[in-house]
Amino acid sequence: MSSKEILAYFDATECKETRSDLKLAVGLVNGPRVAIDCGCGAGSDIVYLRENGFTVHAFDIEESSIARCLKRFVGDSAVILSRSDFSSFAYPTADLVVADASLFFCPENQFGAVWQKIKNALLPGGVFVGSFLGPEDTMAGADYDRKAFWPEVMIATEEQVKVWFDGFAIISFTEHRSSGVTASGAPHDWHIFSVVAQKPATIT
């Protein structure tokens, strides 16, 4: 069962404004418009993707996320939802992979295999858009409440993130630092690396 903090996060992000990175990534896609939404949460990115003609394969480990999205997208056969984690999800071929505020909850010992699956799923010329957690984020510290949220948190430096995109064309790389409060009202320092990157159109 999702914690009250996770449910508050879903409530707060259900109708969030579409990020500029996602708009940029969508504008780069020239393929059949099939997207994977990793950790779809309340489904706000799915809404934008459907508005732009994408078939969306979306997954989340939280039952409450999938239940909410099933209700939100009832009758829409172009939204394919599954309750899965990063390792168990069957990644279809896609020309866009979206992973906003989700990949840093992939267990670190599984990330290498998961990242390979994501890269393999992307068609030549396909686009990745997502974010990674920096070492100065509150979630990287000892006081992060792993019982309220998710127990696994993967931290990455700028150098590590850029190594993962070796062979890709990095279209946008932004380091975000800000302070404020979470959806549940807790103080938080954010340190996030946001990336838009394109897989080579041809393999040499």
C-alpha atoms as a PDB file:
ATOM      1  CA  MET A   1       0.000   0.000   0.000  1.00  0.00           C
ATOM      2  CA  SER A   2       1.323   3.444  -0.907  1.00  0.00           C
ATOM      3  CA  SER A   3       2.281   5.692   1.996  1.00  0.00           C
ATOM      4  CA  LYS A   4       0.472   8.969   2.636  1.00  0.00           C
ATOM      5  CA  GLU A   5       3.580  10.799   1.381  1.00  0.00           C
ATOM      6  CA  ILE A   6       3.506   8.957  -1.946  1.00  0.00           C
ATOM      7  CA  LEU A   7      -0.231   9.581  -2.332  1.00  0.00           C
ATOM      8  CA  ALA A   8       0.335  13.277  -1.602  1.00  0.00           C
ATOM      9  CA  TYR A   9       3.028  13.335  -4.289  1.00  0.00           C
ATOM     10  CA  PHE A  10       0.643  11.784  -6.818  1.00  0.00           C
ATOM     11  CA  ASP A  11      -2.050  14.320  -5.904  1.00  0.00           C
ATOM     12  CA  ALA A  12       0.396  17.210  -6.301  1.00  0.00           C
ATOM     13  CA  THR A  13       1.740  16.056  -9.670  1.00  0.00           C
ATOM     14  CA  GLU A  14      -1.429  14.784 -11.350  1.00  0.00           C
ATOM     15  CA  CYS A  15      -1.926  18.024 -13.291  1.00  0.00           C
ATOM     16  CA  LYS A  16       1.596  19.427 -13.212  1.00  0.00           C
ATOM     17  CA  GLU A  17       2.834  21.689 -15.985  1.00  0.00           C
ATOM     18  CA  THR A  18       4.662  19.870 -18.764  1.00  0.00           C
ATOM     19  CA  ARG A  19       8.428  20.213 -18.426  1.00  0.00           C
ATOM     20  CA  SER A  20      10.373  22.004 -21.138  1.00  0.00           C
ATOM     21  CA  ASP A  21      12.667  18.958 -21.447  1.00  0.00           C
ATOM     22  CA  LEU A  22       9.737  16.722 -22.362  1.00  0.00           C
ATOM     23  CA  LYS A  23       8.504  19.242 -24.932  1.00  0.00           C
ATOM     24  CA  LEU A  24      12.005  19.370 -26.419  1.00  0.00           C
ATOM     25  CA  ALA A  25      12.258  15.581 -26.545  1.00  0.00           C
ATOM     26  CA  VAL A  26       8.857  15.168 -28.200  1.00  0.00           C
ATOM     27  CA  GLY A  27       9.886  17.685 -30.853  1.00  0.00           C
ATOM     28  CA  LEU A  28      12.903  15.523 -31.740  1.00  0.00           C
ATOM     29  CA  VAL A  29      10.928  12.353 -32.394  1.00  0.00           C
ATOM     30  CA  ASN A  30      10.508  11.439 -36.051  1.00  0.00           C
ATOM     31  CA  GLY A  31       9.579   7.780 -35.666  1.00  0.00           C
ATOM     32  CA  PRO A  32       6.287   5.934 -35.142  1.00  0.00           C
ATOM     33  CA  ARG A  33       5.533   7.839 -31.906  1.00  0.00           C
ATOM     34  CA  VAL A  34       5.711   5.047 -29.367  1.00  0.00           C
ATOM     35  CA  ALA A  35       6.791   6.062 -25.856  1.00  0.00           C
ATOM     36  CA  ILE A  36       7.718   4.293 -22.637  1.00  0.00           C
ATOM     37  CA  ASP A  37       6.912   6.163 -19.424  1.00  0.00           C
ATOM     38  CA  CYS A  38       9.074   4.741 -16.629  1.00  0.00           C
ATOM     39  CA  GLY A  39       7.458   5.371 -13.262  1.00  0.00           C
ATOM     40  CA  CYS A  40       4.326   7.028 -14.614  1.00  0.00           C
ATOM     41  CA  GLY A  41       2.988   8.210 -11.234  1.00  0.00           C
ATOM     42  CA  ALA A  42      -0.310  10.065 -11.611  1.00  0.00           C
ATOM     43  CA  GLY A  43      -0.069  10.114 -15.412  1.00  0.00           C
ATOM     44  CA  SER A  44       0.631  13.764 -16.200  1.00  0.00           C
ATOM     45  CA  ASP A  45       3.286  12.917 -18.802  1.00  0.00           C
ATOM     46  CA  ILE A  46       0.962  10.361 -20.389  1.00  0.00           C
ATOM     47  CA  VAL A  47      -1.588  13.131 -20.977  1.00  0.00           C
ATOM     48  CA  TYR A  48       0.958  15.244 -22.862  1.00  0.00           C
ATOM     49  CA  LEU A  49       2.236  12.287 -24.856  1.00  0.00           C
ATOM     50  CA  ARG A  50      -1.270  11.277 -25.913  1.00  0.00           C
ATOM     51  CA  GLU A  51      -2.012  14.884 -26.933  1.00  0.00           C
ATOM     52  CA  ASN A  52       0.984  14.573 -29.236  1.00  0.00           C
ATOM     53  CA  GLY A  53      -0.081  11.338 -30.867  1.00  0.00           C
ATOM     54  CA  PHE A  54       1.997   8.801 -28.930  1.00  0.00           C
ATOM     55  CA  THR A  55       1.048   5.280 -28.000  1.00  0.00           C
ATOM     56  CA  VAL A  56       2.272   5.060 -24.402  1.00  0.00           C
ATOM     57  CA  HIS A  57       3.532   1.987 -22.556  1.00  0.00           C
ATOM     58  CA  ALA A  58       3.623   3.110 -18.926  1.00  0.00           C
ATOM     59  CA  PHE A  59       4.589   1.335 -15.738  1.00  0.00           C
ATOM     60  CA  ASP A  60       4.947   2.023 -12.047  1.00  0.00           C
ATOM     61  CA  ILE A  61       5.708  -0.139  -9.036  1.00  0.00           C
ATOM     62  CA  GLU A  62       2.952   1.539  -7.000  1.00  0.00           C
ATOM     63  CA  GLU A  63      -0.477  -0.092  -7.217  1.00  0.00           C
ATOM     64  CA  SER A  64      -2.124   3.262  -6.454  1.00  0.00           C
ATOM     65  CA  SER A  65      -0.391   4.797  -9.475  1.00  0.00           C
ATOM     66  CA  ILE A  66      -1.694   2.169 -11.879  1.00  0.00           C
ATOM     67  CA  ALA A  67      -5.197   2.251 -10.350  1.00  0.00           C
ATOM     68  CA  ARG A  68      -5.283   6.028 -10.762  1.00  0.00           C
ATOM     69  CA  CYS A  69      -4.062   5.868 -14.364  1.00  0.00           C
ATOM     70  CA  LEU A  70      -6.481   3.056 -15.273  1.00  0.00           C
ATOM     71  CA  LYS A  71      -9.314   5.318 -14.160  1.00  0.00           C
ATOM     72  CA  ARG A  72      -7.823   8.402 -15.813  1.00  0.00           C
ATOM     73  CA  PHE A  73      -7.271   6.747 -19.205  1.00  0.00           C
ATOM     74  CA  VAL A  74     -10.225   4.363 -19.226  1.00  0.00           C
ATOM     75  CA  GLY A  75     -11.203   3.468 -22.777  1.00  0.00           C
ATOM     76  CA  ASP A  76      -7.936   4.697 -24.300  1.00  0.00           C
ATOM     77  CA  SER A  77      -6.397   1.665 -25.996  1.00  0.00           C
ATOM     78  CA  ALA A  78      -3.233   3.648 -26.806  1.00  0.00           C
ATOM     79  CA  VAL A  79      -2.287   3.739 -23.114  1.00  0.00           C
ATOM     80  CA  ILE A  80      -0.897   0.366 -22.026  1.00  0.00           C
ATOM     81  CA  LEU A  81      -0.370   0.232 -18.259  1.00  0.00           C
ATOM     82  CA  SER A  82       1.501  -2.296 -16.146  1.00  0.00           C
ATOM     83  CA  ARG A  83       2.386  -2.584 -12.518  1.00  0.00           C
ATOM     84  CA  SER A  84       6.080  -3.393 -12.797  1.00  0.00           C
ATOM     85  CA  ASP A  85       9.462  -2.366 -11.514  1.00  0.00           C
ATOM     86  CA  PHE A  86      12.391  -1.392 -13.732  1.00  0.00           C
ATOM     87  CA  SER A  87      13.780  -4.912 -13.908  1.00  0.00           C
ATOM     88  CA  SER A  88      10.553  -6.835 -14.558  1.00  0.00           C
ATOM     89  CA  PHE A  89       8.999  -4.501 -17.147  1.00  0.00           C
ATOM     90  CA  ALA A  90       9.014  -5.870 -20.704  1.00  0.00           C
ATOM     91  CA  TYR A  91      10.408  -2.901 -22.636  1.00  0.00           C
ATOM     92  CA  PRO A  92       8.836  -2.591 -26.101  1.00  0.00           C
ATOM     93  CA  THR A  93      10.586  -0.973 -29.030  1.00  0.00           C
ATOM     94  CA  ALA A  94      10.065   2.793 -28.743  1.00  0.00           C
ATOM     95  CA  ASP A  95      11.307   6.078 -30.127  1.00  0.00           C
ATOM     96  CA  LEU A  96      10.933   7.915 -26.798  1.00  0.00           C
ATOM     97  CA  VAL A  97      11.743   6.856 -23.246  1.00  0.00           C
ATOM     98  CA  VAL A  98      10.586   9.130 -20.428  1.00  0.00           C
ATOM     99  CA  ALA A  99      12.059   8.657 -16.936  1.00  0.00           C
ATOM    100  CA  ASP A 100      11.365  11.756 -14.870  1.00  0.00           C
ATOM    101  CA  ALA A 101      12.091  11.470 -11.133  1.00  0.00           C
ATOM    102  CA  SER A 102      11.998   7.694 -11.337  1.00  0.00           C
ATOM    103  CA  LEU A 103      15.299   6.086 -12.315  1.00  0.00           C
ATOM    104  CA  PHE A 104      16.927   7.117  -9.051  1.00  0.00           C
ATOM    105  CA  PHE A 105      14.626   4.611  -7.320  1.00  0.00           C
ATOM    106  CA  CYS A 106      16.031   1.744  -9.361  1.00  0.00           C
ATOM    107  CA  PRO A 107      18.164  -0.446  -7.062  1.00  0.00           C
ATOM    108  CA  GLU A 108      21.779   0.378  -7.844  1.00  0.00           C
ATOM    109  CA  ASN A 109      22.742  -3.272  -8.303  1.00  0.00           C
ATOM    110  CA  GLN A 110      20.084  -3.582 -11.033  1.00  0.00           C
ATOM    111  CA  PHE A 111      20.729  -0.316 -12.825  1.00  0.00           C
ATOM    112  CA  GLY A 112      23.324  -1.605 -15.300  1.00  0.00           C
ATOM    113  CA  ALA A 113      20.957  -4.248 -16.679  1.00  0.00           C
ATOM    114  CA  VAL A 114      18.000  -1.835 -16.646  1.00  0.00           C
ATOM    115  CA  TRP A 115      19.960   0.855 -18.466  1.00  0.00           C
ATOM    116  CA  GLN A 116      20.943  -1.656 -21.147  1.00  0.00           C
ATOM    117  CA  LYS A 117      17.278  -2.624 -21.594  1.00  0.00           C
ATOM    118  CA  ILE A 118      16.334   1.041 -22.012  1.00  0.00           C
ATOM    119  CA  LYS A 119      19.049   1.626 -24.599  1.00  0.00           C
ATOM    120  CA  ASN A 120      18.098  -1.544 -26.472  1.00  0.00           C
ATOM    121  CA  ALA A 121      14.430  -0.519 -26.500  1.00  0.00           C
ATOM    122  CA  LEU A 122      15.183   2.796 -28.189  1.00  0.00           C
ATOM    123  CA  LEU A 123      15.021   2.751 -31.963  1.00  0.00           C
ATOM    124  CA  PRO A 124      17.911   4.344 -33.897  1.00  0.00           C
ATOM    125  CA  GLY A 125      17.374   8.083 -33.595  1.00  0.00           C
ATOM    126  CA  GLY A 126      15.192   7.532 -30.527  1.00  0.00           C
ATOM    127  CA  VAL A 127      15.191   9.995 -27.647  1.00  0.00           C
ATOM    128  CA  PHE A 128      15.641   9.635 -23.883  1.00  0.00           C
ATOM    129  CA  VAL A 129      14.363  12.308 -21.512  1.00  0.00           C
ATOM    130  CA  GLY A 130      14.743  11.939 -17.781  1.00  0.00           C
ATOM    131  CA  SER A 131      16.482  12.904 -14.575  1.00  0.00           C
ATOM    132  CA  PHE A 132      19.092  11.610 -12.161  1.00  0.00           C
ATOM    133  CA  LEU A 133      19.632  12.388  -8.480  1.00  0.00           C
ATOM    134  CA  GLY A 134      22.684  14.427  -7.515  1.00  0.00           C
ATOM    135  CA  PRO A 135      24.723  13.865  -4.339  1.00  0.00           C
ATOM    136  CA  GLU A 136      23.565  17.079  -2.652  1.00  0.00           C
ATOM    137  CA  ASP A 137      19.852  16.255  -2.787  1.00  0.00           C
ATOM    138  CA  THR A 138      18.079  15.699   0.525  1.00  0.00           C
ATOM    139  CA  MET A 139      17.261  12.158  -0.601  1.00  0.00           C
ATOM    140  CA  ALA A 140      20.971  11.425  -0.774  1.00  0.00           C
ATOM    141  CA  GLY A 141      21.383  12.164   2.933  1.00  0.00           C
ATOM    142  CA  ALA A 142      21.027  10.002   6.019  1.00  0.00           C
ATOM    143  CA  ASP A 143      17.819  11.774   7.088  1.00  0.00           C
ATOM    144  CA  TYR A 144      15.818  10.725   4.014  1.00  0.00           C
ATOM    145  CA  ASP A 145      12.738   8.792   5.171  1.00  0.00           C
ATOM    146  CA  ARG A 146      12.964   5.494   3.292  1.00  0.00           C
ATOM    147  CA  LYS A 147       9.888   4.138   5.067  1.00  0.00           C
ATOM    148  CA  ALA A 148       7.695   6.991   3.856  1.00  0.00           C
ATOM    149  CA  PHE A 149       8.931   6.891   0.284  1.00  0.00           C
ATOM    150  CA  TRP A 150      11.004   4.298  -1.578  1.00  0.00           C
ATOM    151  CA  PRO A 151      13.809   2.355   0.150  1.00  0.00           C
ATOM    152  CA  GLU A 152      16.310   2.389  -2.729  1.00  0.00           C
ATOM    153  CA  VAL A 153      17.876   5.687  -3.818  1.00  0.00           C
ATOM    154  CA  MET A 154      20.598   5.792  -6.470  1.00  0.00           C
ATOM    155  CA  ILE A 155      22.905   8.808  -6.433  1.00  0.00           C
ATOM    156  CA  ALA A 156      24.950   9.920  -9.451  1.00  0.00           C
ATOM    157  CA  THR A 157      27.552  12.565 -10.181  1.00  0.00           C
ATOM    158  CA  GLU A 158      27.521  14.639 -13.367  1.00  0.00           C
ATOM    159  CA  GLU A 159      30.486  12.621 -14.646  1.00  0.00           C
ATOM    160  CA  GLN A 160      28.702   9.297 -14.061  1.00  0.00           C
ATOM    161  CA  VAL A 161      25.550  10.438 -15.848  1.00  0.00           C
ATOM    162  CA  LYS A 162      27.508  11.598 -18.890  1.00  0.00           C
ATOM    163  CA  VAL A 163      29.338   8.264 -19.075  1.00  0.00           C
ATOM    164  CA  TRP A 164      25.974   6.466 -19.259  1.00  0.00           C
ATOM    165  CA  PHE A 165      25.178   8.463 -22.391  1.00  0.00           C
ATOM    166  CA  ASP A 166      28.394   7.578 -24.168  1.00  0.00           C
ATOM    167  CA  GLY A 167      27.575   7.263 -27.867  1.00  0.00           C
ATOM    168  CA  PHE A 168      24.410   9.360 -27.571  1.00  0.00           C
ATOM    169  CA  ALA A 169      24.086  12.958 -28.718  1.00  0.00           C
ATOM    170  CA  ILE A 170      23.337  14.964 -25.571  1.00  0.00           C
ATOM    171  CA  ILE A 171      20.820  17.586 -26.678  1.00  0.00           C
ATOM    172  CA  SER A 172      20.292  19.149 -23.256  1.00  0.00           C
ATOM    173  CA  PHE A 173      22.023  18.625 -19.900  1.00  0.00           C
ATOM    174  CA  THR A 174      20.856  20.771 -16.975  1.00  0.00           C
ATOM    175  CA  GLU A 175      21.844  20.741 -13.325  1.00  0.00           C
ATOM    176  CA  HIS A 176      18.980  21.887 -11.078  1.00  0.00           C
ATOM    177  CA  ARG A 177      19.485  23.139  -7.536  1.00  0.00           C
ATOM    178  CA  SER A 178      16.634  24.532  -5.475  1.00  0.00           C
ATOM    179  CA  SER A 179      15.160  24.467  -1.984  1.00  0.00           C
ATOM    180  CA  GLY A 180      11.564  24.325  -0.826  1.00  0.00           C
ATOM    181  CA  VAL A 181       9.028  21.907   0.611  1.00  0.00           C
ATOM    182  CA  THR A 182       7.698  18.604  -0.696  1.00  0.00           C
ATOM    183  CA  ALA A 183       4.034  17.834  -1.411  1.00  0.00           C
ATOM    184  CA  SER A 184       3.731  16.611   2.178  1.00  0.00           C
ATOM    185  CA  GLY A 185       5.221  19.853   3.536  1.00  0.00           C
ATOM    186  CA  ALA A 186       8.701  18.594   4.450  1.00  0.00           C
ATOM    187  CA  PRO A 187      11.702  20.861   3.717  1.00  0.00           C
ATOM    188  CA  HIS A 188      13.824  19.647   0.826  1.00  0.00           C
ATOM    189  CA  ASP A 189      16.964  20.578  -1.097  1.00  0.00           C
ATOM    190  CA  TRP A 190      16.804  19.387  -4.695  1.00  0.00           C
ATOM    191  CA  HIS A 191      19.865  18.446  -6.754  1.00  0.00           C
ATOM    192  CA  ILE A 192      18.844  16.959 -10.100  1.00  0.00           C
ATOM    193  CA  PHE A 193      20.517  16.345 -13.457  1.00  0.00           C
ATOM    194  CA  SER A 194      18.008  16.513 -16.328  1.00  0.00           C
ATOM    195  CA  VAL A 195      18.975  15.011 -19.666  1.00  0.00           C
ATOM    196  CA  VAL A 196      17.615  14.926 -23.190  1.00  0.00           C
ATOM    197  CA  ALA A 197      19.732  12.648 -25.380  1.00  0.00           C
ATOM    198  CA  GLN A 198      19.348  11.036 -28.795  1.00  0.00           C
ATOM    199  CA  LYS A 199      20.497   7.577 -29.833  1.00  0.00           C
ATOM    200  CA  PRO A 200      22.549   7.538 -33.049  1.00  0.00           C
ATOM    201  CA  ALA A 201      20.454   7.066 -36.174  1.00  0.00           C
ATOM    202  CA  THR A 202      22.974   4.548 -37.476  1.00  0.00           C
ATOM    203  CA  ILE A 203      25.393   2.216 -35.717  1.00  0.00           C
ATOM    204  CA  THR A 204      28.972   2.522 -36.943  1.00  0.00           C
END
